[in-house]
């Protein structure tokens, strides 16, 4: 049982040690980061980890979270993106306990257009290797 608890702790803390790159912040202080070392090409799609780090905690299912890590897909040709997995953490920068999670089924993925001059466009540019 102790090994299982150790492995769960190790898996939850992996995001705290990723090579996060700051992209920008909103007026409420939410910082947006990406980890370019997690970039994987999947045909015409690129997958990469993204993070939101909150200045103030928010509630999910009655638990406070300070950061959220997403597995995001980018379609470089169509200039769209979709976040397929989100994990919300009690601590900053993906540290602490997982207090909430969400996974989209492959047939339910919703693709969003990348708007110009947004943090999402910055993410898309890094993922797709543009400028």
Protein backbone atom coordinates (compact mmCIF):
# COMPACT_ATOMS: atom_id res chain seq x y z
CA UNK A 1 0.00 0.00 0.00
CA UNK A 2 2.85 2.40 0.78
CA UNK A 3 4.31 1.94 -2.74
CA UNK A 4 0.96 2.80 -4.30
CA UNK A 5 0.70 6.02 -2.28
CA UNK A 6 4.27 6.93 -3.24
CA UNK A 7 3.58 6.35 -6.96
CA UNK A 8 0.40 8.47 -6.81
CA UNK A 9 2.31 11.30 -5.11
CA UNK A 10 5.07 11.08 -7.71
CA UNK A 11 2.60 11.19 -10.60
CA UNK A 12 0.76 14.20 -9.16
CA UNK A 13 3.98 16.15 -8.60
CA UNK A 14 5.43 15.60 -12.09
CA UNK A 15 3.91 18.87 -13.30
CA UNK A 16 5.63 20.85 -10.57
CA UNK A 17 9.01 19.97 -12.13
CA UNK A 18 8.15 20.53 -15.80
CA UNK A 19 9.99 23.19 -17.80
CA UNK A 20 7.23 25.79 -17.80
CA UNK A 21 7.58 28.86 -20.02
CA UNK A 22 5.59 31.98 -19.11
CA UNK A 23 3.36 33.31 -21.94
CA UNK A 24 1.42 36.07 -20.24
CA UNK A 25 -1.14 36.92 -17.59
CA UNK A 26 -4.66 38.28 -17.41
CA UNK A 27 -5.75 41.35 -15.44
CA UNK A 28 -6.91 39.09 -12.57
CA UNK A 29 -3.35 37.76 -12.21
CA UNK A 30 -3.86 34.33 -13.80
CA UNK A 31 -0.53 33.31 -15.38
CA UNK A 32 -0.50 31.17 -18.53
CA UNK A 33 2.40 28.80 -19.11
CA UNK A 34 3.39 26.01 -21.50
CA UNK A 35 5.98 23.24 -21.40
CA UNK A 36 7.56 23.04 -24.87
CA UNK A 37 9.50 19.90 -23.86
CA UNK A 38 6.20 17.97 -23.86
CA UNK A 39 5.42 18.86 -27.49
CA UNK A 40 4.46 15.75 -29.51
CA UNK A 41 3.50 15.61 -33.17
CA UNK A 42 0.45 13.46 -33.92
CA UNK A 43 -0.03 13.68 -37.67
CA UNK A 44 -1.34 17.16 -38.45
CA UNK A 45 -1.91 17.76 -34.74
CA UNK A 46 0.52 18.79 -32.01
CA UNK A 47 -0.03 17.99 -28.32
CA UNK A 48 1.53 19.99 -25.48
CA UNK A 49 1.01 20.62 -21.76
CA UNK A 50 -0.42 23.98 -20.71
CA UNK A 51 -0.95 25.53 -17.29
CA UNK A 52 -2.99 28.23 -15.62
CA UNK A 53 -1.53 29.42 -12.34
CA UNK A 54 -4.05 31.42 -10.29
CA UNK A 55 -3.27 34.38 -8.06
CA UNK A 56 -6.23 33.49 -5.82
CA UNK A 57 -7.70 30.05 -5.21
CA UNK A 58 -10.96 29.02 -6.91
CA UNK A 59 -13.43 26.32 -5.94
CA UNK A 60 -14.09 23.06 -7.79
CA UNK A 61 -16.34 20.40 -6.24
CA UNK A 62 -15.99 22.15 -2.88
CA UNK A 63 -12.16 22.07 -3.02
CA UNK A 64 -9.85 25.01 -3.61
CA UNK A 65 -7.44 24.87 -6.52
CA UNK A 66 -4.52 27.18 -7.38
CA UNK A 67 -3.41 25.75 -10.72
CA UNK A 68 -4.72 23.71 -13.63
CA UNK A 69 -2.71 21.63 -16.10
CA UNK A 70 -4.16 20.77 -19.48
CA UNK A 71 -3.26 18.40 -22.30
CA UNK A 72 -3.97 20.60 -25.30
CA UNK A 73 -4.14 19.66 -28.98
CA UNK A 74 -3.33 22.19 -31.70
CA UNK A 75 -4.31 21.90 -35.35
CA UNK A 76 -1.60 23.93 -37.07
CA UNK A 77 -3.32 23.94 -40.47
CA UNK A 78 -6.78 24.98 -39.23
CA UNK A 79 -5.49 27.31 -36.47
CA UNK A 80 -7.66 25.64 -33.81
CA UNK A 81 -7.06 24.04 -30.41
CA UNK A 82 -8.81 21.73 -27.95
CA UNK A 83 -7.98 20.87 -24.37
CA UNK A 84 -8.70 17.18 -23.85
CA UNK A 85 -7.61 16.67 -20.22
CA UNK A 86 -7.58 19.12 -17.31
CA UNK A 87 -6.27 18.43 -13.81
CA UNK A 88 -6.78 20.99 -11.06
CA UNK A 89 -4.24 21.13 -8.21
CA UNK A 90 -4.43 22.47 -4.67
CA UNK A 91 -1.00 24.11 -5.01
CA UNK A 92 0.64 26.50 -7.42
CA UNK A 93 2.33 25.32 -10.64
CA UNK A 94 0.84 21.82 -10.58
CA UNK A 95 1.88 21.02 -7.01
CA UNK A 96 -0.25 19.57 -4.24
CA UNK A 97 -3.25 17.26 -4.49
CA UNK A 98 -5.38 16.76 -7.58
CA UNK A 99 -8.73 18.22 -6.48
CA UNK A 100 -10.56 18.04 -9.79
CA UNK A 101 -10.14 16.54 -13.24
CA UNK A 102 -11.88 16.39 -16.59
CA UNK A 103 -11.30 14.29 -19.72
CA UNK A 104 -13.08 14.75 -23.04
CA UNK A 105 -13.98 11.64 -24.99
CA UNK A 106 -12.39 11.57 -28.46
CA UNK A 107 -15.77 11.87 -30.18
CA UNK A 108 -16.72 14.90 -28.01
CA UNK A 109 -13.67 17.11 -28.57
CA UNK A 110 -14.63 20.72 -29.17
CA UNK A 111 -12.21 22.68 -31.36
CA UNK A 112 -11.86 26.41 -30.69
CA UNK A 113 -10.61 28.95 -33.22
CA UNK A 114 -7.33 30.63 -32.29
CA UNK A 115 -8.00 34.37 -32.12
CA UNK A 116 -5.24 36.85 -33.01
CA UNK A 117 -3.27 38.64 -30.29
CA UNK A 118 -4.30 36.25 -27.50
CA UNK A 119 -2.42 34.00 -25.10
CA UNK A 120 -3.93 31.05 -26.98
CA UNK A 121 -2.30 32.33 -30.18
CA UNK A 122 1.04 32.44 -28.34
CA UNK A 123 0.52 28.80 -27.30
CA UNK A 124 -0.42 27.82 -30.87
CA UNK A 125 2.68 29.56 -32.28
CA UNK A 126 4.99 27.63 -29.93
CA UNK A 127 3.22 24.33 -30.59
CA UNK A 128 3.27 24.80 -34.37
CA UNK A 129 6.77 26.31 -34.53
CA UNK A 130 5.60 29.61 -35.98
CA UNK A 131 7.66 32.78 -35.41
